[in-house]
Amino acid sequence: MYSMGVLPSYWRAGVGSSMLTKCINDMMDNNVNEIILDVHSKNKSAYELYKKFDFK
């Protein structure tokens, strides 16, 4: 996957968490053992989402 985004009208509704959970589960099912994230330093919402999933 190259990119993920959520429309503003769906922010803070758990949509991003659901999408990320699905992606991670699909990757695990396909034996992917490494995920690399790149997030703009000003995108605090994305940063907090990834932190919630224990990404560092």
N, C-alpha and C. Protein backbone atom coordinates (compact mmCIF):
# COMPACT_ATOMS: atom_id res chain seq x y z
N MET A 1 0.86 -1.17 0.00
CA MET A 1 0.00 0.00 0.00
C MET A 1 0.90 1.22 0.00
N TYR A 2 0.53 2.20 -0.76
CA TYR A 2 1.34 3.40 -0.87
C TYR A 2 0.82 4.53 0.02
N SER A 3 -0.48 4.64 0.15
CA SER A 3 -1.04 5.80 0.83
C SER A 3 -2.39 5.45 1.45
N MET A 4 -2.73 6.17 2.51
CA MET A 4 -4.03 5.97 3.16
C MET A 4 -4.51 7.34 3.63
N GLY A 5 -5.78 7.57 3.50
CA GLY A 5 -6.35 8.82 3.97
C GLY A 5 -7.81 8.63 4.35
N VAL A 6 -8.30 9.54 5.18
CA VAL A 6 -9.69 9.52 5.63
C VAL A 6 -10.29 10.90 5.37
N LEU A 7 -11.46 10.92 4.80
CA LEU A 7 -12.14 12.20 4.56
C LEU A 7 -12.41 12.91 5.89
N PRO A 8 -12.27 14.23 5.90
CA PRO A 8 -12.47 14.98 7.15
C PRO A 8 -13.80 14.69 7.85
N SER A 9 -14.83 14.43 7.09
CA SER A 9 -16.13 14.17 7.73
C SER A 9 -16.14 12.86 8.52
N TYR A 10 -15.11 12.01 8.33
CA TYR A 10 -15.01 10.74 9.05
C TYR A 10 -13.90 10.73 10.09
N TRP A 11 -13.22 11.86 10.25
CA TRP A 11 -12.16 11.94 11.25
C TRP A 11 -12.73 11.72 12.64
N ARG A 12 -11.93 11.10 13.49
CA ARG A 12 -12.27 10.85 14.90
C ARG A 12 -13.44 9.89 15.06
N ALA A 13 -13.70 9.07 14.03
CA ALA A 13 -14.80 8.11 14.09
C ALA A 13 -14.29 6.67 14.05
N GLY A 14 -12.97 6.48 14.13
CA GLY A 14 -12.40 5.14 14.13
C GLY A 14 -12.17 4.54 12.76
N VAL A 15 -12.41 5.33 11.72
CA VAL A 15 -12.26 4.83 10.36
C VAL A 15 -10.79 4.52 10.05
N GLY A 16 -9.88 5.43 10.41
CA GLY A 16 -8.46 5.20 10.17
C GLY A 16 -7.95 3.98 10.92
N SER A 17 -8.38 3.82 12.16
CA SER A 17 -7.98 2.65 12.95
C SER A 17 -8.49 1.36 12.31
N SER A 18 -9.71 1.37 11.84
CA SER A 18 -10.27 0.18 11.19
C SER A 18 -9.52 -0.16 9.91
N MET A 19 -9.22 0.86 9.13
CA MET A 19 -8.48 0.64 7.88
C MET A 19 -7.08 0.10 8.15
N LEU A 20 -6.39 0.70 9.13
CA LEU A 20 -5.04 0.26 9.45
C LEU A 20 -5.04 -1.15 10.02
N THR A 21 -6.02 -1.48 10.86
CA THR A 21 -6.14 -2.84 11.40
C THR A 21 -6.32 -3.84 10.28
N LYS A 22 -7.20 -3.54 9.33
CA LYS A 22 -7.43 -4.44 8.19
C LYS A 22 -6.16 -4.62 7.37
N CYS A 23 -5.46 -3.53 7.11
CA CYS A 23 -4.22 -3.61 6.33
C CYS A 23 -3.17 -4.45 7.05
N ILE A 24 -2.99 -4.21 8.34
CA ILE A 24 -2.00 -4.97 9.11
C ILE A 24 -2.37 -6.45 9.13
N ASN A 25 -3.63 -6.76 9.37
CA ASN A 25 -4.06 -8.17 9.38
C ASN A 25 -3.85 -8.84 8.03
N ASP A 26 -4.17 -8.14 6.96
CA ASP A 26 -3.96 -8.69 5.62
C ASP A 26 -2.47 -8.95 5.36
N MET A 27 -1.63 -8.00 5.79
CA MET A 27 -0.19 -8.18 5.60
C MET A 27 0.32 -9.38 6.40
N MET A 28 -0.15 -9.52 7.64
CA MET A 28 0.27 -10.65 8.46
C MET A 28 -0.19 -11.97 7.83
N ASP A 29 -1.39 -11.98 7.29
CA ASP A 29 -1.91 -13.19 6.62
C ASP A 29 -1.07 -13.56 5.40
N ASN A 30 -0.39 -12.56 4.84
CA ASN A 30 0.45 -12.78 3.65
C ASN A 30 1.94 -12.79 3.98
N ASN A 31 2.24 -13.06 5.24
CA ASN A 31 3.61 -13.22 5.73
C ASN A 31 4.51 -12.00 5.53
N VAL A 32 3.91 -10.83 5.53
CA VAL A 32 4.70 -9.60 5.51
C VAL A 32 5.23 -9.39 6.93
N ASN A 33 6.54 -9.21 7.06
CA ASN A 33 7.11 -9.09 8.41
C ASN A 33 7.72 -7.73 8.69
N GLU A 34 7.52 -6.79 7.78
CA GLU A 34 8.03 -5.44 8.01
C GLU A 34 7.09 -4.42 7.38
N ILE A 35 6.79 -3.38 8.15
CA ILE A 35 5.96 -2.28 7.66
C ILE A 35 6.75 -1.00 7.88
N ILE A 36 6.91 -0.21 6.84
CA ILE A 36 7.62 1.06 6.94
C ILE A 36 6.60 2.18 6.76
N LEU A 37 6.59 3.10 7.71
CA LEU A 37 5.67 4.23 7.65
C LEU A 37 6.44 5.51 7.37
N ASP A 38 5.79 6.39 6.64
CA ASP A 38 6.34 7.72 6.38
C ASP A 38 5.19 8.70 6.58
N VAL A 39 5.32 9.57 7.56
CA VAL A 39 4.25 10.52 7.85
C VAL A 39 4.87 11.90 8.00
N HIS A 40 4.20 12.90 7.45
CA HIS A 40 4.67 14.28 7.55
C HIS A 40 4.65 14.70 9.02
N SER A 41 5.68 15.38 9.44
CA SER A 41 5.81 15.76 10.85
C SER A 41 4.66 16.64 11.35
N LYS A 42 3.97 17.32 10.44
CA LYS A 42 2.86 18.18 10.84
C LYS A 42 1.53 17.43 10.89
N ASN A 43 1.51 16.17 10.48
CA ASN A 43 0.28 15.38 10.47
C ASN A 43 0.12 14.69 11.82
N LYS A 44 -0.27 15.45 12.81
CA LYS A 44 -0.36 14.95 14.18
C LYS A 44 -1.39 13.83 14.33
N SER A 45 -2.49 13.90 13.58
CA SER A 45 -3.51 12.86 13.67
C SER A 45 -2.95 11.51 13.22
N ALA A 46 -2.24 11.50 12.11
CA ALA A 46 -1.65 10.25 11.62
C ALA A 46 -0.59 9.76 12.59
N TYR A 47 0.23 10.68 13.09
CA TYR A 47 1.27 10.31 14.04
C TYR A 47 0.66 9.64 15.27
N GLU A 48 -0.40 10.20 15.80
CA GLU A 48 -1.08 9.63 16.98
C GLU A 48 -1.69 8.26 16.67
N LEU A 49 -2.25 8.13 15.47
CA LEU A 49 -2.82 6.84 15.06
C LEU A 49 -1.74 5.77 15.04
N TYR A 50 -0.61 6.07 14.42
CA TYR A 50 0.47 5.09 14.32
C TYR A 50 1.05 4.78 15.70
N LYS A 51 1.13 5.78 16.56
CA LYS A 51 1.62 5.58 17.91
C LYS A 51 0.69 4.63 18.68
N LYS A 52 -0.61 4.77 18.44
CA LYS A 52 -1.61 3.91 19.08
C LYS A 52 -1.40 2.44 18.69
N PHE A 53 -0.86 2.23 17.51
CA PHE A 53 -0.58 0.88 17.02
C PHE A 53 0.86 0.44 17.32
N ASP A 54 1.53 1.18 18.19
CA ASP A 54 2.90 0.88 18.63
C ASP A 54 3.96 1.03 17.57
N PHE A 55 3.68 1.79 16.51
CA PHE A 55 4.74 2.12 15.56
C PHE A 55 5.62 3.18 16.20
N LYS A 56 6.89 3.14 15.90
CA LYS A 56 7.82 4.11 16.48
C LYS A 56 8.47 4.95 15.42
